[in-house]
Amino acid sequence: MSTGKFPATQSNQPFASARTKIPTRQAIALISEHGDPAAEIGKDAAGGQNVYVRQVGESLAKLGWQVDMFTRKSNPNDATIVQHSPYCRTIRLIAGPETYIPRDELFQYMPEFVTSFQKFQQKEGTNYPLAHTNYWMSGWVGLELQRRQNIQLIHTYHSLGAVKYQSVSEIPTIAQTRLAVEKQILEQAHSVVATSPQEFDDLENLVSRLGNIDIIPCGTDVSTFRPISKVEARKQLDISGKEKVVLYVGRFDKRKGIETLVRATRELRAQLEQGEEIDPQNLKLLIVGGSDPQEADGAERRRIEDLVTELDLTANTEFVGMVGHDRLALYYTAADVCVIPSHYEPFGLVAIEAMACGTPVVASAVGGLKFTVISEETGLLVPPHDVAKFAHAIERILTDDIWARKARKQASARVQQNFSWTGVAIQLSDLYRRLLAQSLSGSGIARGSSATSTLLPKQVVKAS
């Protein structure tokens, strides 16, 4: 995905600098250990976090920062440095084997990530007085850097273990370590950026009452995701005007609730067979995203494919696969409704992408989705896992044309007013400058110290 006009350049030389050498800009580090900002969205672990870091980084560069985005190199064929714009690049550090590693198995390589980060600093002669970390393992890296070199630490969780583990049947062995680190981050970071009021409440009620929290939402590219002609979008995608299109966009992951959507589609079709308003043969479920069946999420994709066959929905369902970011807006626009049946979403980027295109959303009433989607105005919120209520909500949008038209207008307007990446970057930039000014003046609350050690991977506590 490339959002700027500056052509991306790549280098496979270890720490070869592809940066345009123009002085006077303050360098800052964005750290995302598994969410590679230069990765193809939708593949393996590439999702909302990747989009967030990439878009924030590019937008901050436009505001005057030199932005270096650090991630773990997971493929030996990937470039070590990818230049996105004159002042924004992705740097892939060696931390463990150069291959895909599931997130729950990555923590043991974080000390190596810290070492590689500091080697990069020394080689380039670059000092980062501020680091914005993303996800708990990057937060651990930030805590260690804070201990060693006294940086200003800002953190965005993207997912909270305290919430996530309430919605999964199997708790991973890394769980207790993650919970301890997430608590330490909240209590020691200079600022934690919550992306919604709901996440703010979760942090205070489930993690710790100690901590500095600022609420700054995620955003979307409003120049890419915007209302366009639905007729033209369907023409480009070869979708008939008669079809009623229900859209899912995202990875194949049990926590994304795709099974709920498939079962709701079957129930909806059964309801349509009893009426005359919509021909059930015109009901179309488009599932966009995910890797091919051989990739990391292939098992879940095959499970969903088997469920579609079992429920006799093959004729109503299309597995579109990965879609380039430049064409994703066509799918949102062509759809009559976008469904987000997740068991948990800290924010929900898909919701605002769909809304930005003027597409009403049916979403689980969980996490940040309760903030991004205004029920009865920009879409509908329903309880997670509730097949019958998802089916009813989708049917309402498909059959109530007057209300759906109003929701489309309100959805687009809400995103334009509240969720542009430029607006998000301006708020983050103001936060960075305030924290840097406090560090220079010695004012504000001191966070972390050389005497404070972070929990090391060798101290991993296994969940019972």
Protein backbone atom coordinates (compact mmCIF):
# COMPACT_ATOMS: atom_id res chain seq x y z
CA MET A 1 0.00 0.00 0.00
CA SER A 2 1.34 3.40 -0.94
CA THR A 3 -0.55 6.54 -0.06
CA GLY A 4 1.85 9.29 -1.04
CA LYS A 5 3.20 10.49 -4.36
CA PHE A 6 6.80 9.77 -3.37
CA PRO A 7 7.77 6.41 -4.93
CA ALA A 8 8.78 3.81 -2.34
CA THR A 9 12.46 2.87 -2.58
CA GLN A 10 13.98 -0.19 -0.97
CA SER A 11 17.39 -1.31 0.20
CA ASN A 12 18.52 -4.77 1.29
CA GLN A 13 21.81 -3.50 2.70
CA PRO A 14 21.81 -3.73 6.51
CA PHE A 15 20.93 -0.26 7.74
CA ALA A 16 21.77 1.32 4.38
CA SER A 17 20.31 4.79 4.59
CA ALA A 18 17.76 5.61 1.90
CA ARG A 19 16.74 8.79 3.72
CA THR A 20 16.99 12.12 1.99
CA LYS A 21 19.71 13.96 3.90
CA ILE A 22 18.00 17.23 4.77
CA PRO A 23 18.67 18.52 8.32
CA THR A 24 16.57 20.42 10.87
CA ARG A 25 13.80 17.85 11.37
CA GLN A 26 13.33 16.13 14.72
CA ALA A 27 13.63 12.35 14.37
CA ILE A 28 11.10 10.19 16.20
CA ALA A 29 10.64 6.43 16.32
CA LEU A 30 7.41 4.54 15.74
CA ILE A 31 7.85 0.93 16.89
CA SER A 32 5.59 -1.89 15.71
CA GLU A 33 7.37 -5.19 16.28
CA HIS A 34 4.98 -7.44 14.30
CA GLY A 35 2.83 -4.94 12.38
CA ASP A 36 5.12 -4.13 9.46
CA PRO A 37 4.08 -0.70 8.08
CA ALA A 38 5.39 -1.66 4.64
CA ALA A 39 3.62 -5.03 4.51
CA GLU A 40 0.81 -5.93 2.16
CA ILE A 41 -2.37 -5.39 4.15
CA GLY A 42 -4.40 -8.53 4.85
CA LYS A 43 -1.50 -10.99 4.70
CA ASP A 44 -0.57 -13.04 7.78
CA ALA A 45 -0.66 -10.61 10.74
CA ALA A 46 -1.04 -7.51 8.58
CA GLY A 47 -4.15 -5.60 9.53
CA GLY A 48 -5.35 -2.50 11.34
CA GLN A 49 -2.13 -1.94 13.30
CA ASN A 50 -0.07 -1.90 10.11
CA VAL A 51 -2.43 0.67 8.57
CA TYR A 52 -2.38 2.81 11.71
CA VAL A 53 1.41 2.98 12.00
CA ARG A 54 1.95 3.58 8.27
CA GLN A 55 -0.70 6.27 7.97
CA VAL A 56 0.29 8.02 11.20
CA GLY A 57 3.93 7.92 10.15
CA GLU A 58 3.32 9.41 6.71
CA SER A 59 0.98 12.06 8.11
CA LEU A 60 3.45 13.05 10.85
CA ALA A 61 6.18 13.41 8.21
CA LYS A 62 3.96 15.90 6.37
CA LEU A 63 3.70 17.88 9.62
CA GLY A 64 7.47 18.33 9.90
CA TRP A 65 8.82 15.24 11.70
CA GLN A 66 11.46 12.77 10.50
CA VAL A 67 9.64 9.49 11.07
CA ASP A 68 11.45 6.16 11.31
CA MET A 69 9.11 3.18 11.70
CA PHE A 70 10.75 0.07 13.19
CA THR A 71 9.48 -3.46 12.76
CA ARG A 72 10.85 -7.02 12.84
CA LYS A 73 12.21 -8.48 9.61
CA SER A 74 10.15 -11.61 8.94
CA ASN A 75 11.36 -12.47 5.44
CA PRO A 76 15.00 -12.52 4.24
CA ASN A 77 13.84 -11.29 0.83
CA ASP A 78 12.23 -8.16 2.27
CA ALA A 79 14.11 -4.89 1.95
CA THR A 80 15.85 -3.75 5.13
CA ILE A 81 14.73 -0.16 4.55
CA VAL A 82 11.66 1.01 2.64
CA GLN A 83 11.43 4.73 1.91
CA HIS A 84 7.80 5.86 1.76
CA SER A 85 8.40 9.60 1.42
CA PRO A 86 11.43 11.92 1.87
CA TYR A 87 10.93 11.98 5.64
CA CYS A 88 9.24 8.64 6.39
CA ARG A 89 10.67 5.13 6.12
CA THR A 90 10.25 1.61 7.48
CA ILE A 91 13.32 -0.06 9.02
CA ARG A 92 13.21 -3.82 9.46
CA LEU A 93 15.38 -5.05 12.34
CA ILE A 94 16.78 -8.54 12.88
CA ALA A 95 15.16 -10.11 15.93
CA GLY A 96 15.01 -13.87 15.76
CA PRO A 97 14.60 -15.96 12.60
CA GLU A 98 13.73 -14.04 9.44
CA THR A 99 10.43 -15.83 9.03
CA TYR A 100 6.80 -15.41 10.08
CA ILE A 101 6.40 -16.15 13.79
CA PRO A 102 2.98 -16.16 15.51
CA ARG A 103 2.56 -13.24 17.87
CA ASP A 104 2.27 -15.42 20.97
CA GLU A 105 5.77 -16.77 20.26
CA LEU A 106 7.53 -13.45 19.56
CA PHE A 107 8.26 -12.10 23.02
CA GLN A 108 11.47 -14.13 23.45
CA TYR A 109 13.06 -12.14 20.61
CA MET A 110 12.34 -8.67 21.99
CA PRO A 111 15.75 -8.24 23.73
CA GLU A 112 17.35 -8.84 20.32
CA PHE A 113 15.00 -6.23 18.86
CA VAL A 114 16.23 -3.69 21.44
CA THR A 115 19.86 -4.51 20.62
CA SER A 116 19.22 -4.12 16.87
CA PHE A 117 17.45 -0.82 17.47
CA GLN A 118 20.38 0.59 19.44
CA LYS A 119 22.88 -0.64 16.83
CA PHE A 120 20.88 1.20 14.17
CA GLN A 121 20.96 4.39 16.24
CA GLN A 122 24.72 4.13 16.68
CA LYS A 123 25.40 3.39 13.01
CA GLU A 124 23.29 6.31 11.80
CA GLY A 125 24.25 8.68 14.59
CA THR A 126 20.56 9.32 15.15
CA ASN A 127 19.06 10.00 18.55
CA TYR A 128 15.36 9.39 19.13
CA PRO A 129 14.19 11.40 22.13
CA LEU A 130 10.66 10.04 21.68
CA ALA A 131 9.24 6.63 20.77
CA HIS A 132 5.61 5.79 20.05
CA THR A 133 5.19 2.04 20.56
CA ASN A 134 2.34 -0.10 19.24
CA TYR A 135 1.11 -3.37 20.81
CA TRP A 136 2.34 -4.74 24.12
CA MET A 137 5.62 -6.29 22.92
CA SER A 138 6.67 -3.02 21.29
CA GLY A 139 5.68 -1.41 24.57
CA TRP A 140 8.13 -3.73 26.36
CA VAL A 141 10.81 -2.57 23.91
CA GLY A 142 9.87 1.03 24.73
CA LEU A 143 10.13 0.38 28.47
CA GLU A 144 13.60 -1.08 27.99
CA LEU A 145 14.70 1.89 25.86
CA GLN A 146 13.23 4.23 28.46
CA ARG A 147 15.30 2.48 31.12
CA ARG A 148 18.49 2.60 29.07
CA GLN A 149 18.35 6.01 27.39
CA ASN A 150 15.54 8.01 28.99
CA ILE A 151 13.23 8.51 26.01
CA GLN A 152 9.74 9.96 26.09
CA LEU A 153 7.48 6.92 25.75
CA ILE A 154 4.02 7.02 24.15
CA HIS A 155 2.08 3.81 23.68
CA THR A 156 -0.98 2.58 21.76
CA TYR A 157 -2.20 -0.89 22.74
CA HIS A 158 -4.29 -1.85 19.65
CA SER A 159 -5.50 -4.83 21.68
CA LEU A 160 -5.76 -5.34 25.42
CA GLY A 161 -5.07 -8.75 26.90
CA ALA A 162 -7.44 -8.02 29.80
CA VAL A 163 -10.30 -7.69 27.29
CA LYS A 164 -9.15 -10.16 24.65
CA TYR A 165 -8.79 -13.08 27.06
CA GLN A 166 -12.42 -12.69 28.11
CA SER A 167 -13.52 -13.59 24.57
CA VAL A 168 -11.29 -16.59 23.78
CA SER A 169 -11.69 -20.20 24.86
CA GLU A 170 -7.97 -20.99 25.02
CA ILE A 171 -5.64 -18.72 27.01
CA PRO A 172 -2.08 -18.76 25.62
CA THR A 173 0.90 -19.45 27.86
CA ILE A 174 2.12 -15.88 27.33
CA ALA A 175 -1.06 -14.43 28.87
CA GLN A 176 0.17 -13.61 32.38
CA THR A 177 3.35 -12.04 31.03
CA ARG A 178 1.35 -9.92 28.62
CA LEU A 179 -1.00 -8.73 31.35
CA ALA A 180 1.94 -7.78 33.59
CA VAL A 181 3.70 -5.88 30.80
CA GLU A 182 0.52 -4.06 29.77
CA LYS A 183 0.08 -2.88 33.36
CA GLN A 184 3.72 -1.76 33.52
CA ILE A 185 3.36 0.18 30.27
CA LEU A 186 0.30 2.07 31.52
CA GLU A 187 1.99 2.98 34.78
CA GLN A 188 5.38 3.96 33.35
CA ALA A 189 4.78 5.42 29.86
CA HIS A 190 4.63 9.20 29.61
CA SER A 191 1.34 8.87 27.77
CA VAL A 192 -0.92 6.03 26.67
CA VAL A 193 -3.05 6.85 23.64
CA ALA A 194 -6.50 5.28 23.90
CA THR A 195 -8.35 5.24 20.58
CA SER A 196 -11.84 5.46 22.09
CA PRO A 197 -13.60 6.34 25.36
CA GLN A 198 -14.37 2.63 25.74
CA GLU A 199 -10.66 1.77 25.67
CA PHE A 200 -10.02 4.52 28.23
CA ASP A 201 -12.55 2.87 30.55
CA ASP A 202 -11.06 -0.60 29.96
CA LEU A 203 -7.58 0.68 30.82
CA GLU A 204 -8.72 2.25 34.08
CA ASN A 205 -11.05 -0.56 35.14
CA LEU A 206 -9.14 -3.64 33.97
CA VAL A 207 -5.45 -2.66 33.87
CA SER A 208 -4.51 0.11 36.32
CA ARG A 209 -5.79 3.36 37.79
CA LEU A 210 -2.27 4.75 37.50
CA GLY A 211 -1.26 6.26 34.21
CA ASN A 212 -1.54 9.22 31.85
CA ILE A 213 -4.14 8.52 29.15
CA ASP A 214 -4.96 10.68 26.14
CA ILE A 215 -7.88 9.82 23.83
CA ILE A 216 -6.94 10.18 20.16
CA PRO A 217 -8.94 8.08 17.67
CA CYS A 218 -7.69 6.15 14.66
CA GLY A 219 -8.32 7.58 11.24
CA THR A 220 -8.81 6.75 7.60
CA ASP A 221 -7.60 8.09 4.27
CA VAL A 222 -10.58 10.27 3.35
CA SER A 223 -9.14 10.93 -0.11
CA THR A 224 -9.29 7.19 -0.87
CA PHE A 225 -12.35 6.23 1.16
CA ARG A 226 -15.09 8.63 0.12
CA PRO A 227 -18.52 8.45 -1.48
CA ILE A 228 -18.34 7.56 -5.17
CA SER A 229 -20.89 6.26 -7.67
CA LYS A 230 -22.35 2.95 -6.52
CA VAL A 231 -23.35 2.15 -10.10
CA GLU A 232 -19.79 2.74 -11.32
CA ALA A 233 -18.29 0.71 -8.44
CA ARG A 234 -20.52 -2.26 -9.24
CA LYS A 235 -19.75 -1.94 -12.94
CA GLN A 236 -16.00 -2.14 -12.24
CA LEU A 237 -16.49 -5.17 -9.98
CA ASP A 238 -19.01 -6.86 -12.30
CA ILE A 239 -21.74 -6.88 -9.65
CA SER A 240 -25.34 -6.73 -10.83
CA GLY A 241 -27.53 -3.86 -9.71
CA LYS A 242 -30.11 -6.41 -8.53
CA GLU A 243 -27.81 -8.04 -6.01
CA LYS A 244 -28.06 -7.21 -2.32
CA VAL A 245 -24.44 -7.20 -1.20
CA VAL A 246 -23.36 -7.96 2.37
CA LEU A 247 -19.65 -7.27 2.83
CA TYR A 248 -17.01 -8.52 5.27
CA VAL A 249 -13.48 -7.09 5.17
CA GLY A 250 -10.66 -8.43 7.32
CA ARG A 251 -8.47 -11.33 8.31
CA PHE A 252 -9.57 -14.90 8.89
CA ASP A 253 -9.48 -15.19 12.66
CA LYS A 254 -12.03 -16.80 14.97
CA ARG A 255 -12.17 -13.59 17.00
CA LYS A 256 -13.39 -11.73 13.91
CA GLY A 257 -16.70 -13.57 14.18
CA ILE A 258 -17.01 -14.57 10.51
CA GLU A 259 -18.91 -17.70 11.54
CA THR A 260 -21.59 -15.50 13.10
CA LEU A 261 -21.95 -13.57 9.84
CA VAL A 262 -22.17 -16.74 7.72
CA ARG A 263 -24.87 -18.20 9.97
CA ALA A 264 -26.72 -14.86 9.97
CA THR A 265 -26.62 -14.87 6.17
CA ARG A 266 -28.20 -18.34 6.14
CA GLU A 267 -30.92 -17.19 8.53
CA LEU A 268 -31.50 -14.05 6.46
CA ARG A 269 -31.85 -16.08 3.28
CA ALA A 270 -34.41 -18.30 4.99
CA GLN A 271 -36.39 -15.21 5.99
CA LEU A 272 -36.24 -13.82 2.44
CA GLU A 273 -37.57 -17.12 1.10
CA GLN A 274 -40.74 -16.51 3.14
CA GLY A 275 -41.33 -13.05 1.67
CA GLU A 276 -41.48 -11.29 -1.67
CA GLU A 277 -39.44 -8.12 -1.07
CA ILE A 278 -36.03 -9.52 -2.06
CA ASP A 279 -35.23 -12.53 -4.23
CA PRO A 280 -33.04 -14.75 -1.99
CA GLN A 281 -30.96 -15.65 -5.05
CA ASN A 282 -29.86 -12.00 -5.19
CA LEU A 283 -28.42 -12.11 -1.68
CA LYS A 284 -24.62 -11.95 -1.97
CA LEU A 285 -22.04 -12.30 0.82
CA LEU A 286 -18.61 -11.00 -0.19
CA ILE A 287 -15.72 -11.98 2.10
CA VAL A 288 -12.75 -9.75 1.32
CA GLY A 289 -9.29 -10.24 2.80
CA GLY A 290 -7.10 -12.95 4.19
CA SER A 291 -4.24 -14.84 2.65
CA ASP A 292 -4.45 -17.88 0.40
CA PRO A 293 -5.38 -21.17 2.11
CA GLN A 294 -1.72 -22.14 2.61
CA GLU A 295 -0.86 -19.04 4.67
CA ALA A 296 -1.01 -18.58 8.44
CA ASP A 297 -4.76 -17.89 8.52
CA GLY A 298 -5.54 -20.67 6.04
CA ALA A 299 -7.00 -23.04 8.64
CA GLU A 300 -9.68 -20.54 9.63
CA ARG A 301 -10.45 -19.75 5.99
CA ARG A 302 -10.91 -23.47 5.24
CA ARG A 303 -13.18 -23.80 8.29
CA ILE A 304 -15.36 -20.94 7.06
CA GLU A 305 -15.41 -22.37 3.52
CA ASP A 306 -16.58 -25.71 4.93
CA LEU A 307 -19.29 -23.94 6.93
CA VAL A 308 -20.50 -22.13 3.80
CA THR A 309 -20.78 -25.49 2.03
CA GLU A 310 -22.51 -27.12 5.01
CA LEU A 311 -25.12 -24.34 5.14
CA ASP A 312 -25.71 -24.52 1.36
CA LEU A 313 -24.55 -20.93 0.87
CA THR A 314 -22.03 -21.54 -1.90
CA ALA A 315 -24.18 -19.84 -4.52
CA ASN A 316 -24.61 -16.79 -2.25
CA THR A 317 -20.99 -16.44 -1.13
CA GLU A 318 -17.79 -15.29 -2.78
CA PHE A 319 -14.34 -15.44 -1.19
CA VAL A 320 -12.70 -12.47 -2.87
CA GLY A 321 -9.29 -12.82 -1.22
CA MET A 322 -6.81 -10.01 -0.76
CA VAL A 323 -7.68 -6.71 -2.42
CA GLY A 324 -5.31 -3.83 -3.08
CA HIS A 325 -5.97 -0.78 -0.95
CA ASP A 326 -6.67 1.26 -4.08
CA ARG A 327 -9.60 -1.04 -4.99
CA LEU A 328 -10.98 -1.63 -1.50
CA ALA A 329 -13.11 1.51 -1.70
CA LEU A 330 -14.92 -0.01 -4.70
CA TYR A 331 -16.04 -2.96 -2.56
CA TYR A 332 -17.22 -0.74 0.27
CA THR A 333 -19.17 1.43 -2.17
CA ALA A 334 -20.67 -1.51 -4.06
CA ALA A 335 -21.94 -3.08 -0.83
CA ASP A 336 -25.35 -2.38 0.66
CA VAL A 337 -24.05 -3.07 4.16
CA CYS A 338 -20.66 -3.80 5.75
CA VAL A 339 -20.75 -6.23 8.68
CA ILE A 340 -18.17 -6.34 11.48
CA PRO A 341 -19.10 -9.30 13.73
CA SER A 342 -15.92 -9.22 15.85
CA HIS A 343 -15.86 -10.56 19.38
CA TYR A 344 -13.60 -7.63 20.31
CA GLU A 345 -12.27 -4.58 18.45
CA PRO A 346 -10.24 -1.87 20.23
CA PHE A 347 -11.27 0.58 17.50
CA GLY A 348 -12.42 -0.90 14.19
CA LEU A 349 -10.74 0.65 11.14
CA VAL A 350 -13.00 -1.26 8.76
CA ALA A 351 -16.01 0.50 10.25
CA ILE A 352 -14.77 3.98 9.46
CA GLU A 353 -13.46 2.96 6.02
CA ALA A 354 -16.91 1.66 5.12
CA MET A 355 -18.68 4.65 6.66
CA ALA A 356 -16.35 7.04 4.83
CA CYS A 357 -17.59 5.48 1.57
CA GLY A 358 -21.19 6.03 2.67
CA THR A 359 -21.91 2.38 3.52
CA PRO A 360 -23.97 1.63 6.64
CA VAL A 361 -22.35 -0.73 9.16
CA VAL A 362 -23.75 -3.55 11.25
CA ALA A 363 -21.24 -4.23 14.02
CA SER A 364 -20.84 -6.01 17.32
CA ALA A 365 -21.45 -3.73 20.28
CA VAL A 366 -17.94 -4.22 21.64
CA GLY A 367 -14.88 -2.07 22.34
CA GLY A 368 -14.25 0.89 20.06
CA LEU A 369 -17.04 -0.10 17.68
CA LYS A 370 -19.43 1.42 20.23
CA PHE A 371 -17.60 4.70 19.61
CA THR A 372 -17.09 4.63 15.84
CA VAL A 373 -20.57 3.39 14.90
CA ILE A 374 -23.54 5.41 16.13
CA SER A 375 -26.39 2.95 16.26
CA GLU A 376 -29.54 4.08 14.40
CA GLU A 377 -27.57 6.90 12.75
CA THR A 378 -24.57 5.45 10.87
CA GLY A 379 -25.54 1.79 11.18
CA LEU A 380 -26.62 -0.67 13.83
CA LEU A 381 -24.92 -2.25 16.85
CA VAL A 382 -25.90 -5.74 17.99
CA PRO A 383 -24.60 -8.16 20.64
CA PRO A 384 -21.60 -10.24 19.50
CA HIS A 385 -22.31 -13.90 18.59
CA ASP A 386 -26.07 -13.18 18.24
CA VAL A 387 -26.89 -14.72 14.85
CA ALA A 388 -30.59 -13.78 14.90
CA LYS A 389 -29.95 -10.11 15.72
CA PHE A 390 -27.24 -9.82 13.09
CA ALA A 391 -29.65 -11.27 10.52
CA HIS A 392 -32.39 -8.85 11.56
CA ALA A 393 -30.07 -5.81 11.47
CA ILE A 394 -28.76 -6.71 8.00
CA GLU A 395 -32.31 -7.25 6.74
CA ARG A 396 -33.38 -3.84 8.04
CA ILE A 397 -30.66 -2.07 6.07
CA LEU A 398 -31.42 -4.09 2.94
CA THR A 399 -35.17 -3.46 3.07
CA ASP A 400 -35.62 -0.01 4.64
CA ASP A 401 -34.41 2.18 1.77
CA ILE A 402 -35.37 5.53 3.30
CA TRP A 403 -33.56 4.87 6.55
CA ALA A 404 -30.56 3.32 4.76
CA ARG A 405 -30.13 6.40 2.54
CA LYS A 406 -30.12 8.63 5.60
CA ALA A 407 -27.59 6.36 7.34
CA ARG A 408 -25.28 6.48 4.31
CA LYS A 409 -25.15 10.29 4.40
CA GLN A 410 -24.62 10.43 8.16
CA ALA A 411 -21.92 7.74 8.07
CA SER A 412 -19.82 9.61 5.51
CA ALA A 413 -20.25 12.94 7.30
CA ARG A 414 -19.17 11.47 10.66
CA VAL A 415 -15.89 10.16 9.25
CA GLN A 416 -15.08 13.34 7.32
CA GLN A 417 -15.58 15.40 10.49
CA ASN A 418 -13.87 13.16 13.03
CA PHE A 419 -11.55 10.52 11.59
CA SER A 420 -9.12 11.85 8.99
CA TRP A 421 -5.49 10.74 9.37
CA THR A 422 -4.40 14.36 9.13
CA GLY A 423 -6.55 15.22 12.13
CA VAL A 424 -5.21 12.23 14.08
CA ALA A 425 -1.61 13.18 13.24
CA ILE A 426 -2.15 16.78 14.34
CA GLN A 427 -3.35 15.58 17.75
CA LEU A 428 -0.43 13.17 18.09
CA SER A 429 2.04 15.84 16.98
CA ASP A 430 0.71 18.23 19.64
CA LEU A 431 1.10 15.47 22.25
CA TYR A 432 4.68 14.72 21.15
CA ARG A 433 5.70 18.39 21.27
CA ARG A 434 4.16 18.84 24.70
CA LEU A 435 6.01 15.82 26.11
CA LEU A 436 9.30 16.83 24.52
CA ALA A 437 8.93 20.36 25.90
CA GLN A 438 8.27 18.93 29.37
CA SER A 439 11.36 16.74 29.15
CA LEU A 440 13.53 19.72 28.20
CA SER A 441 12.14 21.92 30.96
CA GLY A 442 12.14 19.16 33.55
CA SER A 443 8.44 19.70 34.24
CA GLY A 444 5.80 17.03 34.26
CA ILE A 445 5.75 13.61 35.87
CA ALA A 446 8.95 11.59 35.51
CA ARG A 447 8.32 8.13 34.15
CA GLY A 448 10.62 5.16 34.44
CA SER A 449 14.18 5.18 35.75
CA SER A 450 17.45 3.36 35.35
CA ALA A 451 16.58 1.47 38.51
CA THR A 452 13.33 0.14 37.07
CA SER A 453 13.77 -3.14 35.22
CA THR A 454 11.28 -4.52 32.75
CA LEU A 455 9.98 -8.06 32.81
CA LEU A 456 12.35 -10.13 30.67
CA PRO A 457 11.26 -12.89 28.28
CA LYS A 458 13.03 -15.47 30.43
CA GLN A 459 10.63 -14.47 33.23
CA VAL A 460 7.57 -15.52 31.24
CA VAL A 461 4.83 -16.70 33.57
CA LYS A 462 2.65 -19.46 32.14
CA ALA A 463 -1.07 -19.19 32.53
CA SER A 464 -2.75 -21.91 34.52
